[in-house]
Each structure stands twice: as structure tokens, then as C-alpha cells.
Amino acid sequence: MLLCPVRECGLKLVREGSRVVCANGHSFDVARSGYINLLQPQDRRSKEPGDTVAAVEARRRLHDRGVTAPLLRAIAELAQLSGGDELLDAGCGEGFYAGNLARESGARAHGLDISIPAIKAAARRYPESEWIVANADRFVPYEDGAFSMVVSITGRMNEDEFRRVLRADGLLLVAVAAPDDFVELRGAGRDRVDRTVETFGRRFELRERRRVTTVAELDAAGVQDVRHAIYRPVQRGAAEGMRVTLSLDLLLFGVRR
């Protein structure tokens, strides 16, 4: 399913031992933890793009606390995945959503993210799934029609590439932050639904829309983790616990005929 990311190549990548290679001889190593780095120099804007180690670890602790469990349940209910599905998570972070969706449904999960720390964490926690370092804003390194579902959880929005890798009857599930998401820490946000529907409007049509909201009582350490996760300055010294709102708008799209 994987394609070579080298420009003007795009041939299939085949596993050969601890690497994947294409017919043109381009080769990429498989890391010890199982992920593959397909990120090309021209596809990064910095030496260490994407989430930092601190942000990845903070999100992992929040997931492990159960803070995001209601969000995962709502996404799973809308996705309705089954054992025969091939799932792509574009902008998968440390793999919480794709990894758990696959484990609960039996689907095969594939995750893309530009952050090496995030993909490394995903590969270690969910070794049964496939994890790739790549810039999904530029190129999704998979064959045409490879997936029955693509999900983007507050992540990438590449309409053309998502359509290319989806089957004709495939579905796209996009989650965007609702206006009250983390409202206690960053204030009220804007409603992103109309803009997101417009973004995908040429190739996709909206099938269903849901909002899922949950509230978590966090101690001081949990609040610091949220600040790391949403890129707010982390307070030094003593901090106070507080109630924090998490809220997503879930948008399910079908391929436009």
C-alpha cells in the first residue's frame, strides 16, 4: 500500500528485511520500534517538525487519565468500523484514536504524523498498527483507493489527497475543536463547522454532524499537561486544579458522486 515519497517517483514500496524499497532503489529504514520515516527534506519547515516530546507525553498522560475517553467513544460510534476496514488517521499524534479504534473494531489502522516523537510513541503503544512519519499536508504516501475510512482528529485537511486514497464508497471523519473546547484556558473559540464543510465541499458531502462535550476535573499536574497539549505557556511553581471542558464537532462525509 505504501508509495515512495521521493518526488516524481511514487512507486510502490516493498518490505525487504528492516527496510522498504521501491523499484527505483529509494530505500527507507524500518525503526526498531516499527515505524517508517518517509518525511522528505522539502516537506519539513524545521529540523524537528510537529509535536515535541513534552507535548506527546502530556497528551499521553491525559489519555491515560481517561480524560478523552468520551471523545473516543463518540468517534467510534460515528465511524462504525468493522474488521474488514482499512483506516487512515492523518495527523495521528501519539496514536490514541487510531490505535484504540483498531483494537475495538478489528480494523487495520495506519497513522501518519510529521512528528517523530509522536509516531515513535504510537509504534511502541500500538505495535499491531502501521505508523509513518510524513507530511499529510503535502502527500499521503499510500495507493489510490487504499482506505475505507480516513479520519482527521483536529489534524490535517488535505481534501485532494484524502479523496485519492479513499475508496469510492469510503468515508471521511473530521473532528474540529468546538467553540468551548478548553474554554477555561484559552477562551471561547470560533465555530469551525461551516468552514470545514466548505473546505471539503468539492469532493465530499456532509452525511452527519455531532457535537461531543465532556468535562474533566483535573489536578494541578493535569492542568499543566493540558497547557502543554494546547501549546499554552506552562506555569512554573505551584498551580491549581480546575474543571476543564473538552468539546469536538464531528463531521462525517461521504465521497461526492
Protein backbone atom coordinates (compact mmCIF):
# COMPACT_ATOMS: atom_id res chain seq x y z
CA MET A 1 0.00 0.00 0.00
CA LEU A 2 2.87 2.40 0.71
CA LEU A 3 4.25 4.62 -2.05
CA CYS A 4 7.71 6.12 -2.40
CA PRO A 5 7.63 9.78 -1.30
CA VAL A 6 10.56 10.89 -3.47
CA ARG A 7 9.38 13.49 -5.95
CA GLU A 8 8.49 12.18 -9.42
CA CYS A 9 8.78 8.61 -8.19
CA GLY A 10 5.67 7.40 -6.34
CA LEU A 11 6.35 3.71 -6.98
CA LYS A 12 5.22 1.01 -4.57
CA LEU A 13 7.38 0.37 -1.54
CA VAL A 14 8.13 -3.26 -0.75
CA ARG A 15 9.36 -4.59 2.59
CA GLU A 16 12.83 -6.14 2.47
CA GLY A 17 14.01 -7.08 5.93
CA SER A 18 14.44 -3.96 8.02
CA ARG A 19 13.74 -1.52 5.20
CA VAL A 20 11.24 -0.68 2.47
CA VAL A 21 12.43 -0.07 -1.10
CA CYS A 22 10.94 0.92 -4.45
CA ALA A 23 11.89 -0.24 -7.94
CA ASN A 24 13.96 2.93 -8.43
CA GLY A 25 16.16 1.95 -5.49
CA HIS A 26 14.92 4.50 -2.96
CA SER A 27 15.20 2.92 0.47
CA PHE A 28 13.78 3.75 3.91
CA ASP A 29 14.68 2.03 7.16
CA VAL A 30 12.14 0.50 9.50
CA ALA A 31 12.92 1.73 13.03
CA ARG A 32 13.38 -0.73 15.86
CA SER A 33 10.00 0.27 17.27
CA GLY A 34 8.41 -0.47 13.88
CA TYR A 35 7.66 2.92 12.34
CA ILE A 36 8.93 4.15 8.97
CA ASN A 37 10.17 7.68 8.34
CA LEU A 38 9.13 8.78 4.83
CA LEU A 39 9.44 12.52 5.51
CA GLN A 40 11.40 14.28 2.77
CA PRO A 41 13.64 17.31 3.48
CA GLN A 42 11.46 19.62 1.38
CA ASP A 43 8.37 18.57 3.35
CA ARG A 44 9.54 19.97 6.67
CA ARG A 45 9.73 23.56 7.85
CA SER A 46 12.06 22.93 10.78
CA LYS A 47 14.61 20.37 11.92
CA GLU A 48 12.13 18.88 14.40
CA PRO A 49 8.62 19.48 12.98
CA GLY A 50 5.38 18.69 14.73
CA ASP A 51 4.71 17.86 18.37
CA THR A 52 7.59 17.94 20.80
CA VAL A 53 8.40 15.14 23.23
CA ALA A 54 6.85 17.21 26.04
CA ALA A 55 3.59 17.69 24.14
CA VAL A 56 3.41 14.00 23.20
CA GLU A 57 3.99 12.90 26.78
CA ALA A 58 1.41 15.38 28.10
CA ARG A 59 -1.26 14.13 25.69
CA ARG A 60 -0.45 10.52 26.54
CA ARG A 61 -0.92 11.23 30.26
CA LEU A 62 -4.28 12.92 29.58
CA HIS A 63 -5.45 9.92 27.55
CA ASP A 64 -4.28 7.54 30.26
CA ARG A 65 -6.24 9.51 32.86
CA GLY A 66 -9.39 8.77 30.86
CA VAL A 67 -9.99 12.44 30.10
CA THR A 68 -10.55 11.82 26.38
CA ALA A 69 -12.44 8.51 26.67
CA PRO A 70 -15.86 10.13 25.95
CA LEU A 71 -14.43 11.67 22.78
CA LEU A 72 -13.10 8.31 21.64
CA ARG A 73 -16.49 6.65 22.26
CA ALA A 74 -18.31 9.27 20.21
CA ILE A 75 -15.84 8.96 17.34
CA ALA A 76 -16.14 5.15 17.41
CA GLU A 77 -19.96 5.33 17.36
CA LEU A 78 -19.91 7.61 14.33
CA ALA A 79 -17.17 5.72 12.48
CA GLN A 80 -18.86 2.29 12.79
CA LEU A 81 -15.66 0.46 11.82
CA SER A 82 -15.53 -3.30 11.34
CA GLY A 83 -12.87 -5.96 10.89
CA GLY A 84 -12.65 -5.56 7.13
CA ASP A 85 -11.92 -1.83 7.18
CA GLU A 86 -8.65 -0.11 6.40
CA LEU A 87 -8.37 3.07 8.48
CA LEU A 88 -6.04 6.02 7.93
CA ASP A 89 -5.53 8.61 10.67
CA ALA A 90 -3.96 11.72 9.12
CA GLY A 91 -2.21 13.71 11.84
CA CYS A 92 -2.47 10.81 14.27
CA GLY A 93 -0.27 12.20 17.03
CA GLU A 94 0.74 9.50 19.50
CA GLY A 95 -1.84 7.13 18.09
CA PHE A 96 -4.55 7.15 20.76
CA TYR A 97 -7.54 7.40 18.43
CA ALA A 98 -6.37 5.19 15.55
CA GLY A 99 -4.82 2.61 17.85
CA ASN A 100 -7.91 2.24 20.01
CA LEU A 101 -10.37 2.37 17.11
CA ALA A 102 -8.49 -0.52 15.52
CA ARG A 103 -8.33 -2.56 18.72
CA GLU A 104 -12.02 -2.11 19.44
CA SER A 105 -13.28 -2.80 15.90
CA GLY A 106 -10.72 -5.17 14.40
CA ALA A 107 -9.99 -2.70 11.57
CA ARG A 108 -6.43 -2.24 10.34
CA ALA A 109 -5.08 1.17 11.32
CA HIS A 110 -2.42 3.26 9.60
CA GLY A 111 -1.27 6.54 11.13
CA LEU A 112 0.58 9.49 9.62
CA ASP A 113 2.19 12.34 11.50
CA ILE A 114 5.03 14.75 10.87
CA SER A 115 6.34 14.40 14.45
CA ILE A 116 8.91 11.67 15.03
CA PRO A 117 8.34 11.66 18.82
CA ALA A 118 4.60 11.20 18.26
CA ILE A 119 4.99 8.36 15.75
CA LYS A 120 7.62 6.67 17.91
CA ALA A 121 5.20 6.73 20.87
CA ALA A 122 2.38 5.38 18.68
CA ALA A 123 4.51 2.50 17.39
CA ARG A 124 5.51 1.49 20.90
CA ARG A 125 1.97 1.58 22.33
CA TYR A 126 0.15 0.09 19.30
CA PRO A 127 2.66 -2.18 17.50
CA GLU A 128 -0.08 -4.02 15.60
CA SER A 129 -0.82 -0.90 13.53
CA GLU A 130 1.31 0.86 10.91
CA TRP A 131 2.90 4.21 11.76
CA ILE A 132 4.52 6.53 9.21
CA VAL A 133 6.36 9.84 9.56
CA ALA A 134 5.13 12.00 6.68
CA ASN A 135 3.64 15.40 5.93
CA ALA A 136 -0.01 14.71 5.10
CA ASP A 137 -0.43 18.32 4.00
CA ARG A 138 1.82 17.56 1.01
CA PHE A 139 1.40 13.89 0.12
CA VAL A 140 -0.29 10.85 1.66
CA PRO A 141 2.12 8.02 0.74
CA TYR A 142 -0.48 5.35 0.01
CA GLU A 143 -2.00 3.88 -3.13
CA ASP A 144 -5.20 5.24 -4.68
CA GLY A 145 -8.32 3.81 -3.04
CA ALA A 146 -6.40 2.13 -0.22
CA PHE A 147 -8.77 3.05 2.61
CA SER A 148 -12.40 2.61 3.55
CA MET A 149 -12.14 5.44 6.10
CA VAL A 150 -9.89 8.44 6.69
CA VAL A 151 -10.05 10.30 10.00
CA SER A 152 -8.56 13.65 10.88
CA ILE A 153 -8.91 14.47 14.58
CA THR A 154 -8.12 18.19 14.96
CA GLY A 155 -5.47 17.49 12.34
CA ARG A 156 -4.84 17.63 8.62
CA MET A 157 -7.31 18.80 5.95
CA ASN A 158 -5.96 17.72 2.58
CA GLU A 159 -9.11 17.29 0.50
CA ASP A 160 -7.47 16.08 -2.71
CA GLU A 161 -5.19 13.53 -1.07
CA PHE A 162 -7.92 12.22 1.23
CA ARG A 163 -10.16 11.64 -1.77
CA ARG A 164 -7.38 9.97 -3.72
CA VAL A 165 -6.64 7.36 -1.04
CA LEU A 166 -10.31 6.69 -0.23
CA ARG A 167 -12.40 4.05 -1.96
CA ALA A 168 -15.40 5.24 -3.96
CA ASP A 169 -17.68 4.21 -1.09
CA GLY A 170 -15.26 5.42 1.59
CA LEU A 171 -15.99 7.81 4.43
CA LEU A 172 -14.12 10.77 5.86
CA LEU A 173 -14.49 11.66 9.55
CA VAL A 174 -13.20 15.08 10.56
CA ALA A 175 -13.14 16.37 14.14
CA VAL A 176 -12.61 20.06 14.80
CA ALA A 177 -12.42 21.87 18.09
CA ALA A 178 -15.82 23.24 19.14
CA PRO A 179 -16.05 26.82 20.45
CA ASP A 180 -15.97 25.73 24.11
CA ASP A 181 -13.03 23.31 23.74
CA PHE A 182 -10.60 24.17 26.58
CA VAL A 183 -12.56 27.38 27.06
CA GLU A 184 -11.28 27.74 30.63
CA LEU A 185 -7.69 28.02 29.42
CA ARG A 186 -7.85 29.73 26.04
CA GLY A 187 -11.23 31.44 25.98
CA ALA A 188 -14.14 30.87 23.63
CA GLY A 189 -13.14 29.85 20.11
CA ARG A 190 -14.93 30.20 16.81
CA ASP A 191 -17.30 27.72 15.22
CA ARG A 192 -15.27 25.84 12.60
CA VAL A 193 -18.02 23.66 11.15
CA ASP A 194 -19.11 25.79 8.17
CA ARG A 195 -15.52 26.49 7.17
CA THR A 196 -14.64 22.79 7.38
CA VAL A 197 -17.65 21.75 5.29
CA GLU A 198 -16.62 24.34 2.72
CA THR A 199 -13.02 23.07 2.75
CA PHE A 200 -14.15 19.57 1.76
CA GLY A 201 -17.09 20.63 -0.37
CA ARG A 202 -15.68 19.93 -3.83
CA ARG A 203 -15.08 16.22 -3.29
CA PHE A 204 -17.17 15.34 -0.25
CA GLU A 205 -20.71 15.81 1.00
CA LEU A 206 -21.69 16.04 4.66
CA ARG A 207 -23.60 12.99 5.88
CA GLU A 208 -23.82 13.58 9.63
CA ARG A 209 -22.79 16.11 12.25
CA ARG A 210 -22.47 15.64 16.02
CA ARG A 211 -21.01 17.61 18.90
CA VAL A 212 -19.45 15.74 21.82
CA THR A 213 -18.59 17.57 25.04
CA THR A 214 -17.12 16.30 28.29
CA VAL A 215 -15.86 17.93 31.47
CA ALA A 216 -12.86 16.73 33.46
CA GLU A 217 -11.84 17.64 36.99
CA LEU A 218 -8.07 17.93 36.79
CA ASP A 219 -5.46 18.36 39.47
CA ALA A 220 -2.57 20.79 39.02
CA ALA A 221 -0.47 18.27 37.10
CA GLY A 222 -3.36 17.55 34.75
CA VAL A 223 -3.85 21.26 34.06
CA GLN A 224 -0.16 21.57 33.23
CA ASP A 225 -0.50 18.67 30.81
CA VAL A 226 -3.39 20.41 29.08
CA ARG A 227 -1.29 23.54 28.73
CA HIS A 228 1.48 21.51 27.12
CA ALA A 229 -1.01 19.81 24.82
CA ILE A 230 -2.59 23.04 23.57
CA TYR A 231 0.72 24.95 23.40
CA ARG A 232 -0.05 27.38 26.18
CA PRO A 233 2.84 28.57 28.38
CA VAL A 234 3.35 26.17 31.27
CA GLN A 235 3.16 27.84 34.65
CA ARG A 236 6.16 27.34 36.86
CA GLY A 237 5.82 26.66 40.55
CA ALA A 238 2.54 25.95 42.26
CA ALA A 239 -0.60 25.56 40.15
CA GLU A 240 -4.22 24.84 40.94
CA GLY A 241 -6.54 22.14 39.73
CA MET A 242 -9.64 23.12 37.81
CA ARG A 243 -12.54 21.88 35.73
CA VAL A 244 -11.70 21.72 32.02
CA THR A 245 -14.07 21.34 29.07
CA LEU A 246 -13.22 19.21 26.04
CA SER A 247 -15.52 19.59 23.04
CA LEU A 248 -15.36 18.44 19.41
CA ASP A 249 -17.58 18.86 16.38
CA LEU A 250 -17.61 15.55 14.49
CA LEU A 251 -18.32 15.71 10.76
CA LEU A 252 -18.89 12.55 8.70
CA PHE A 253 -18.50 12.96 4.94
CA GLY A 254 -19.18 10.66 2.02
CA VAL A 255 -17.50 10.86 -1.36
CA ARG A 256 -19.34 13.21 -3.70
CA ARG A 257 -20.70 11.37 -6.73
